């Protein structure tokens, strides 16, 4: 029997107690771990009682070296202050990291294949929920799978190489993006530009910019995301 072992991390079974009819993969941010995002699963399971939630740890130890965190890829060269003030610098920064994203995507892509096989789910019954670096990973993988997944929900993220998407996109799952207007790490402008690029490439996309919110997920964003996921997976 196939196993879900391309990545390791906590899971939460369906709240209904039944066999899962959908799966949500929670993709954490830089320096965090699967233990951080699995805490969201009980909330989202209220909207998706028949879904199983996977919250894998990124494959690499966090280069910050403190607290046992993980990273999908290195953020060497990332300067939050510079991209806040210079829109051109923001695009160049994410584009420069794209090779790292591509390398990290292999394991996450395999992880999705394993979930589909183990639970005998159609690809359309799979969704990503990403935060920050996890949103970047979710968008990269989800838009390049030949069999379209059900949905991508991303918080506080961006596209890693927006200029390459048109030549690499293989499917167009619905996307919802949430971002704090006061985010000091990745500016909300990144979500606005991501939505524009996605729509230009025929990807259904909606977004929510939350006044006063910094780099995080609040109740308003979580409610918005739960409604979105329920509309595509319930």
C-alpha atoms as a PDB file:
ATOM      1  CA  UNK A   1       0.000   0.000   0.000  1.00  0.00           C
ATOM      2  CA  UNK A   2       1.235   3.496  -0.769  1.00  0.00           C
ATOM      3  CA  UNK A   3       2.297   5.749   2.084  1.00  0.00           C
ATOM      4  CA  UNK A   4       2.199   9.492   2.638  1.00  0.00           C
ATOM      5  CA  UNK A   5       5.855   9.858   3.551  1.00  0.00           C
ATOM      6  CA  UNK A   6       7.493  12.240   1.072  1.00  0.00           C
ATOM      7  CA  UNK A   7       7.276  14.766   3.911  1.00  0.00           C
ATOM      8  CA  UNK A   8       6.642  14.347   7.626  1.00  0.00           C
ATOM      9  CA  UNK A   9       4.331  16.307   9.883  1.00  0.00           C
ATOM     10  CA  UNK A  10       1.131  16.281  11.928  1.00  0.00           C
ATOM     11  CA  UNK A  11      -2.296  15.395  10.566  1.00  0.00           C
ATOM     12  CA  UNK A  12      -5.884  15.758  11.698  1.00  0.00           C
ATOM     13  CA  UNK A  13      -8.512  13.307  10.503  1.00  0.00           C
ATOM     14  CA  UNK A  14     -12.027  14.256   9.412  1.00  0.00           C
ATOM     15  CA  UNK A  15     -14.159  15.779  12.168  1.00  0.00           C
ATOM     16  CA  UNK A  16     -17.031  13.601  10.944  1.00  0.00           C
ATOM     17  CA  UNK A  17     -15.096  10.467  11.862  1.00  0.00           C
ATOM     18  CA  UNK A  18     -15.739   9.109   8.373  1.00  0.00           C
ATOM     19  CA  UNK A  19     -13.278   8.279   5.615  1.00  0.00           C
ATOM     20  CA  UNK A  20     -11.972  11.510   4.067  1.00  0.00           C
ATOM     21  CA  UNK A  21     -13.618  12.788   0.922  1.00  0.00           C
ATOM     22  CA  UNK A  22     -11.191  15.714   0.615  1.00  0.00           C
ATOM     23  CA  UNK A  23      -7.750  16.761   1.844  1.00  0.00           C
ATOM     24  CA  UNK A  24      -6.273  20.134   2.779  1.00  0.00           C
ATOM     25  CA  UNK A  25      -2.488  20.517   2.813  1.00  0.00           C
ATOM     26  CA  UNK A  26      -1.301  23.252   5.168  1.00  0.00           C
ATOM     27  CA  UNK A  27       2.013  24.692   3.945  1.00  0.00           C
ATOM     28  CA  UNK A  28       3.837  26.624   6.654  1.00  0.00           C
ATOM     29  CA  UNK A  29       6.075  29.640   6.380  1.00  0.00           C
ATOM     30  CA  UNK A  30       9.800  30.246   6.772  1.00  0.00           C
ATOM     31  CA  UNK A  31      11.210  29.249  10.152  1.00  0.00           C
ATOM     32  CA  UNK A  32       8.016  27.534  11.279  1.00  0.00           C
ATOM     33  CA  UNK A  33       6.909  23.881  11.070  1.00  0.00           C
ATOM     34  CA  UNK A  34       3.879  21.724  10.479  1.00  0.00           C
ATOM     35  CA  UNK A  35       3.067  22.040  14.174  1.00  0.00           C
ATOM     36  CA  UNK A  36       2.312  25.738  13.672  1.00  0.00           C
ATOM     37  CA  UNK A  37      -0.349  25.447  10.981  1.00  0.00           C
ATOM     38  CA  UNK A  38      -2.019  22.256  12.187  1.00  0.00           C
ATOM     39  CA  UNK A  39      -3.566  24.475  14.857  1.00  0.00           C
ATOM     40  CA  UNK A  40      -5.774  25.933  12.121  1.00  0.00           C
ATOM     41  CA  UNK A  41      -7.200  22.543  11.178  1.00  0.00           C
ATOM     42  CA  UNK A  42      -9.919  22.341  13.879  1.00  0.00           C
ATOM     43  CA  UNK A  43     -11.292  25.710  12.726  1.00  0.00           C
ATOM     44  CA  UNK A  44     -11.331  24.797   9.030  1.00  0.00           C
ATOM     45  CA  UNK A  45     -12.719  21.337   9.794  1.00  0.00           C
ATOM     46  CA  UNK A  46     -15.943  23.019  10.900  1.00  0.00           C
ATOM     47  CA  UNK A  47     -16.463  24.061   7.288  1.00  0.00           C
ATOM     48  CA  UNK A  48     -14.996  20.806   5.921  1.00  0.00           C
ATOM     49  CA  UNK A  49     -15.978  18.010   8.335  1.00  0.00           C
ATOM     50  CA  UNK A  50     -15.099  15.267   5.852  1.00  0.00           C
ATOM     51  CA  UNK A  51     -11.619  16.566   5.037  1.00  0.00           C
ATOM     52  CA  UNK A  52      -8.317  15.253   6.345  1.00  0.00           C
ATOM     53  CA  UNK A  53      -5.678  17.898   7.106  1.00  0.00           C
ATOM     54  CA  UNK A  54      -1.973  17.393   6.482  1.00  0.00           C
ATOM     55  CA  UNK A  55       0.584  19.871   7.804  1.00  0.00           C
ATOM     56  CA  UNK A  56       4.000  18.729   6.536  1.00  0.00           C
ATOM     57  CA  UNK A  57       7.336  20.016   7.767  1.00  0.00           C
ATOM     58  CA  UNK A  58       9.462  21.661   5.096  1.00  0.00           C
ATOM     59  CA  UNK A  59      12.425  19.450   4.136  1.00  0.00           C
ATOM     60  CA  UNK A  60      15.264  21.716   5.268  1.00  0.00           C
ATOM     61  CA  UNK A  61      16.242  22.928   8.755  1.00  0.00           C
ATOM     62  CA  UNK A  62      15.726  26.653   9.218  1.00  0.00           C
ATOM     63  CA  UNK A  63      18.914  28.553   8.427  1.00  0.00           C
ATOM     64  CA  UNK A  64      18.107  30.824  11.391  1.00  0.00           C
ATOM     65  CA  UNK A  65      19.041  27.829  13.522  1.00  0.00           C
ATOM     66  CA  UNK A  66      16.770  28.545  16.486  1.00  0.00           C
ATOM     67  CA  UNK A  67      13.711  26.716  17.779  1.00  0.00           C
ATOM     68  CA  UNK A  68      13.739  23.730  15.447  1.00  0.00           C
ATOM     69  CA  UNK A  69      12.054  25.615  12.617  1.00  0.00           C
ATOM     70  CA  UNK A  70      12.073  24.488   8.976  1.00  0.00           C
ATOM     71  CA  UNK A  71      12.272  26.179   5.590  1.00  0.00           C
ATOM     72  CA  UNK A  72      11.148  25.251   2.094  1.00  0.00           C
ATOM     73  CA  UNK A  73      14.133  27.158   0.745  1.00  0.00           C
ATOM     74  CA  UNK A  74      16.732  29.698   1.820  1.00  0.00           C
ATOM     75  CA  UNK A  75      15.839  33.376   2.048  1.00  0.00           C
ATOM     76  CA  UNK A  76      19.421  34.516   1.525  1.00  0.00           C
ATOM     77  CA  UNK A  77      19.289  37.904  -0.153  1.00  0.00           C
ATOM     78  CA  UNK A  78      15.751  38.682   1.000  1.00  0.00           C
ATOM     79  CA  UNK A  79      15.471  42.261   2.309  1.00  0.00           C
ATOM     80  CA  UNK A  80      11.971  43.084   3.603  1.00  0.00           C
ATOM     81  CA  UNK A  81      12.711  46.789   3.945  1.00  0.00           C
ATOM     82  CA  UNK A  82      13.956  47.086   0.366  1.00  0.00           C
ATOM     83  CA  UNK A  83      10.901  45.420  -1.178  1.00  0.00           C
ATOM     84  CA  UNK A  84       8.566  47.588   0.890  1.00  0.00           C
ATOM     85  CA  UNK A  85       9.825  50.747  -0.766  1.00  0.00           C
ATOM     86  CA  UNK A  86      10.753  49.597  -4.263  1.00  0.00           C
ATOM     87  CA  UNK A  87       8.151  47.709  -6.361  1.00  0.00           C
ATOM     88  CA  UNK A  88      10.786  46.743  -8.942  1.00  0.00           C
ATOM     89  CA  UNK A  89      13.022  45.324  -6.228  1.00  0.00           C
ATOM     90  CA  UNK A  90      10.149  43.186  -4.960  1.00  0.00           C
ATOM     91  CA  UNK A  91       9.703  41.409  -8.292  1.00  0.00           C
ATOM     92  CA  UNK A  92      13.448  40.932  -8.723  1.00  0.00           C
ATOM     93  CA  UNK A  93      13.755  39.486  -5.214  1.00  0.00           C
ATOM     94  CA  UNK A  94      11.087  36.826  -5.712  1.00  0.00           C
ATOM     95  CA  UNK A  95      12.349  36.018  -9.201  1.00  0.00           C
ATOM     96  CA  UNK A  96      15.869  35.442  -7.850  1.00  0.00           C
ATOM     97  CA  UNK A  97      14.530  32.798  -5.470  1.00  0.00           C
ATOM     98  CA  UNK A  98      12.632  30.881  -8.133  1.00  0.00           C
ATOM     99  CA  UNK A  99      15.269  28.173  -8.652  1.00  0.00           C
ATOM    100  CA  UNK A 100      15.062  27.390  -4.945  1.00  0.00           C
ATOM    101  CA  UNK A 101      11.280  27.193  -5.169  1.00  0.00           C
ATOM    102  CA  UNK A 102      11.487  24.801  -8.136  1.00  0.00           C
ATOM    103  CA  UNK A 103      13.831  22.503  -6.219  1.00  0.00           C
ATOM    104  CA  UNK A 104      11.649  22.479  -3.100  1.00  0.00           C
ATOM    105  CA  UNK A 105       8.502  21.871  -5.154  1.00  0.00           C
ATOM    106  CA  UNK A 106       9.531  18.314  -6.078  1.00  0.00           C
ATOM    107  CA  UNK A 107       8.882  16.892  -2.613  1.00  0.00           C
ATOM    108  CA  UNK A 108       5.654  18.825  -2.092  1.00  0.00           C
ATOM    109  CA  UNK A 109       4.358  17.696  -5.482  1.00  0.00           C
ATOM    110  CA  UNK A 110       5.116  14.058  -4.628  1.00  0.00           C
ATOM    111  CA  UNK A 111       3.413  14.517  -1.263  1.00  0.00           C
ATOM    112  CA  UNK A 112       0.195  15.508  -3.062  1.00  0.00           C
ATOM    113  CA  UNK A 113       0.452  12.452  -5.321  1.00  0.00           C
ATOM    114  CA  UNK A 114       0.737  10.235  -2.256  1.00  0.00           C
ATOM    115  CA  UNK A 115      -2.288  11.768  -0.544  1.00  0.00           C
ATOM    116  CA  UNK A 116      -4.358  11.230  -3.680  1.00  0.00           C
ATOM    117  CA  UNK A 117      -3.245   7.598  -3.922  1.00  0.00           C
ATOM    118  CA  UNK A 118      -3.629   6.664  -0.249  1.00  0.00           C
ATOM    119  CA  UNK A 119      -7.099   8.165   0.136  1.00  0.00           C
ATOM    120  CA  UNK A 120      -8.270   7.430  -3.418  1.00  0.00           C
ATOM    121  CA  UNK A 121      -9.217  11.051  -3.975  1.00  0.00           C
ATOM    122  CA  UNK A 122      -9.738  12.891  -7.228  1.00  0.00           C
ATOM    123  CA  UNK A 123      -7.233  15.750  -7.643  1.00  0.00           C
ATOM    124  CA  UNK A 124     -10.164  18.175  -7.493  1.00  0.00           C
ATOM    125  CA  UNK A 125     -10.693  17.093  -3.866  1.00  0.00           C
ATOM    126  CA  UNK A 126      -7.284  18.473  -2.793  1.00  0.00           C
ATOM    127  CA  UNK A 127      -6.607  22.030  -1.622  1.00  0.00           C
ATOM    128  CA  UNK A 128      -3.555  23.965  -0.496  1.00  0.00           C
ATOM    129  CA  UNK A 129      -3.635  26.385   2.428  1.00  0.00           C
ATOM    130  CA  UNK A 130      -0.358  28.278   2.546  1.00  0.00           C
ATOM    131  CA  UNK A 131       1.141  31.011   4.685  1.00  0.00           C
ATOM    132  CA  UNK A 132       3.952  33.324   3.514  1.00  0.00           C
ATOM    133  CA  UNK A 133       6.677  31.084   2.039  1.00  0.00           C
ATOM    134  CA  UNK A 134       4.046  28.348   2.115  1.00  0.00           C
ATOM    135  CA  UNK A 135       1.795  30.434  -0.128  1.00  0.00           C
ATOM    136  CA  UNK A 136       4.644  30.861  -2.606  1.00  0.00           C
ATOM    137  CA  UNK A 137       5.116  27.084  -2.619  1.00  0.00           C
ATOM    138  CA  UNK A 138       1.376  26.383  -2.910  1.00  0.00           C
ATOM    139  CA  UNK A 139       0.947  28.679  -5.892  1.00  0.00           C
ATOM    140  CA  UNK A 140       4.009  27.274  -7.639  1.00  0.00           C
ATOM    141  CA  UNK A 141       3.003  23.621  -7.242  1.00  0.00           C
ATOM    142  CA  UNK A 142      -0.753  24.025  -7.605  1.00  0.00           C
ATOM    143  CA  UNK A 143      -0.607  25.910 -10.887  1.00  0.00           C
ATOM    144  CA  UNK A 144       1.840  23.454 -12.466  1.00  0.00           C
ATOM    145  CA  UNK A 145       0.049  20.183 -11.784  1.00  0.00           C
ATOM    146  CA  UNK A 146      -1.391  18.716 -14.966  1.00  0.00           C
ATOM    147  CA  UNK A 147      -4.467  17.436 -13.115  1.00  0.00           C
ATOM    148  CA  UNK A 148      -6.178  20.428 -11.561  1.00  0.00           C
ATOM    149  CA  UNK A 149      -6.551  20.491  -7.797  1.00  0.00           C
ATOM    150  CA  UNK A 150      -9.626  21.869  -6.076  1.00  0.00           C
ATOM    151  CA  UNK A 151      -8.393  25.174  -4.681  1.00  0.00           C
ATOM    152  CA  UNK A 152      -5.469  27.240  -3.390  1.00  0.00           C
ATOM    153  CA  UNK A 153      -5.871  29.493  -0.358  1.00  0.00           C
ATOM    154  CA  UNK A 154      -2.867  31.692   0.345  1.00  0.00           C
ATOM    155  CA  UNK A 155      -2.115  34.077   3.204  1.00  0.00           C
ATOM    156  CA  UNK A 156       0.589  36.777   3.089  1.00  0.00           C
ATOM    157  CA  UNK A 157       2.367  35.443   0.002  1.00  0.00           C
ATOM    158  CA  UNK A 158       3.380  36.114  -3.588  1.00  0.00           C
ATOM    159  CA  UNK A 159       4.334  34.496  -6.892  1.00  0.00           C
ATOM    160  CA  UNK A 160       8.008  33.541  -7.067  1.00  0.00           C
ATOM    161  CA  UNK A 161       8.411  34.297 -10.785  1.00  0.00           C
ATOM    162  CA  UNK A 162       5.320  35.953 -12.194  1.00  0.00           C
ATOM    163  CA  UNK A 163       6.933  36.417 -15.599  1.00  0.00           C
ATOM    164  CA  UNK A 164       7.361  32.647 -16.030  1.00  0.00           C
ATOM    165  CA  UNK A 165       3.823  31.621 -15.186  1.00  0.00           C
ATOM    166  CA  UNK A 166       2.354  31.963 -18.684  1.00  0.00           C
ATOM    167  CA  UNK A 167       4.891  29.489 -20.079  1.00  0.00           C
ATOM    168  CA  UNK A 168       4.627  26.981 -17.228  1.00  0.00           C
ATOM    169  CA  UNK A 169       0.998  26.951 -16.082  1.00  0.00           C
ATOM    170  CA  UNK A 170      -0.722  23.582 -16.555  1.00  0.00           C
ATOM    171  CA  UNK A 171      -4.001  24.052 -14.686  1.00  0.00           C
ATOM    172  CA  UNK A 172      -6.114  26.858 -13.311  1.00  0.00           C
ATOM    173  CA  UNK A 173      -7.579  26.010  -9.902  1.00  0.00           C
ATOM    174  CA  UNK A 174      -9.556  28.727  -8.113  1.00  0.00           C
ATOM    175  CA  UNK A 175      -7.374  30.865  -5.857  1.00  0.00           C
ATOM    176  CA  UNK A 176      -8.147  33.064  -2.846  1.00  0.00           C
ATOM    177  CA  UNK A 177      -5.500  35.378  -1.396  1.00  0.00           C
ATOM    178  CA  UNK A 178      -5.512  37.151   1.972  1.00  0.00           C
ATOM    179  CA  UNK A 179      -3.000  39.783   3.064  1.00  0.00           C
ATOM    180  CA  UNK A 180      -2.556  42.272   5.868  1.00  0.00           C
ATOM    181  CA  UNK A 181      -2.365  45.873   4.670  1.00  0.00           C
ATOM    182  CA  UNK A 182       0.339  46.570   7.287  1.00  0.00           C
ATOM    183  CA  UNK A 183       2.482  43.506   6.510  1.00  0.00           C
ATOM    184  CA  UNK A 184       6.157  44.465   7.153  1.00  0.00           C
ATOM    185  CA  UNK A 185       7.580  41.261   5.629  1.00  0.00           C
ATOM    186  CA  UNK A 186       5.807  40.833   2.284  1.00  0.00           C
ATOM    187  CA  UNK A 187       3.853  43.952   1.288  1.00  0.00           C
ATOM    188  CA  UNK A 188       0.161  43.636   0.487  1.00  0.00           C
ATOM    189  CA  UNK A 189       1.075  44.928  -2.964  1.00  0.00           C
ATOM    190  CA  UNK A 190       2.380  41.408  -3.645  1.00  0.00           C
ATOM    191  CA  UNK A 191      -1.128  39.967  -3.370  1.00  0.00           C
ATOM    192  CA  UNK A 192      -2.583  42.724  -5.542  1.00  0.00           C
ATOM    193  CA  UNK A 193      -0.011  42.008  -8.250  1.00  0.00           C
ATOM    194  CA  UNK A 194      -0.399  38.247  -7.883  1.00  0.00           C
ATOM    195  CA  UNK A 195      -4.155  38.497  -8.397  1.00  0.00           C
ATOM    196  CA  UNK A 196      -3.574  40.581 -11.531  1.00  0.00           C
ATOM    197  CA  UNK A 197      -1.131  38.048 -13.011  1.00  0.00           C
ATOM    198  CA  UNK A 198      -3.355  35.089 -12.162  1.00  0.00           C
ATOM    199  CA  UNK A 199      -6.371  36.661 -13.833  1.00  0.00           C
ATOM    200  CA  UNK A 200      -4.281  37.526 -16.894  1.00  0.00           C
ATOM    201  CA  UNK A 201      -3.500  33.800 -17.115  1.00  0.00           C
ATOM    202  CA  UNK A 202      -7.129  32.737 -16.794  1.00  0.00           C
ATOM    203  CA  UNK A 203      -6.950  31.671 -13.127  1.00  0.00           C
ATOM    204  CA  UNK A 204     -10.084  32.494 -11.097  1.00  0.00           C
ATOM    205  CA  UNK A 205      -8.870  34.606  -8.186  1.00  0.00           C
ATOM    206  CA  UNK A 206     -10.332  36.645  -5.349  1.00  0.00           C
ATOM    207  CA  UNK A 207      -8.517  38.537  -2.635  1.00  0.00           C
ATOM    208  CA  UNK A 208      -8.981  40.222   0.718  1.00  0.00           C
ATOM    209  CA  UNK A 209      -6.692  42.969   2.033  1.00  0.00           C
ATOM    210  CA  UNK A 210      -7.195  43.432   5.785  1.00  0.00           C
ATOM    211  CA  UNK A 211      -6.558  46.928   7.215  1.00  0.00           C
ATOM    212  CA  UNK A 212      -4.095  47.064  10.107  1.00  0.00           C
ATOM    213  CA  UNK A 213      -3.094  43.401   9.917  1.00  0.00           C
ATOM    214  CA  UNK A 214       0.614  42.635   9.808  1.00  0.00           C
ATOM    215  CA  UNK A 215       2.222  39.303   8.799  1.00  0.00           C
ATOM    216  CA  UNK A 216      -0.342  36.880  10.111  1.00  0.00           C
ATOM    217  CA  UNK A 217      -3.795  35.331   9.923  1.00  0.00           C
ATOM    218  CA  UNK A 218      -6.701  36.889  11.793  1.00  0.00           C
ATOM    219  CA  UNK A 219     -10.289  35.789  12.300  1.00  0.00           C
ATOM    220  CA  UNK A 220     -11.619  37.790   9.333  1.00  0.00           C
ATOM    221  CA  UNK A 221      -9.102  36.207   6.980  1.00  0.00           C
ATOM    222  CA  UNK A 222      -9.718  32.736   8.353  1.00  0.00           C
ATOM    223  CA  UNK A 223     -13.475  33.110   7.911  1.00  0.00           C
ATOM    224  CA  UNK A 224     -12.979  34.334   4.346  1.00  0.00           C
ATOM    225  CA  UNK A 225     -10.726  31.360   3.654  1.00  0.00           C
ATOM    226  CA  UNK A 226     -13.084  28.824   5.222  1.00  0.00           C
ATOM    227  CA  UNK A 227     -15.963  30.053   3.095  1.00  0.00           C
ATOM    228  CA  UNK A 228     -13.786  29.812  -0.003  1.00  0.00           C
ATOM    229  CA  UNK A 229     -12.585  26.272   0.729  1.00  0.00           C
ATOM    230  CA  UNK A 230     -16.089  25.104   1.596  1.00  0.00           C
ATOM    231  CA  UNK A 231     -17.385  26.377  -1.734  1.00  0.00           C
ATOM    232  CA  UNK A 232     -14.892  24.169  -3.597  1.00  0.00           C
ATOM    233  CA  UNK A 233     -14.459  21.095  -1.392  1.00  0.00           C
ATOM    234  CA  UNK A 234     -17.634  20.606   0.657  1.00  0.00           C
END
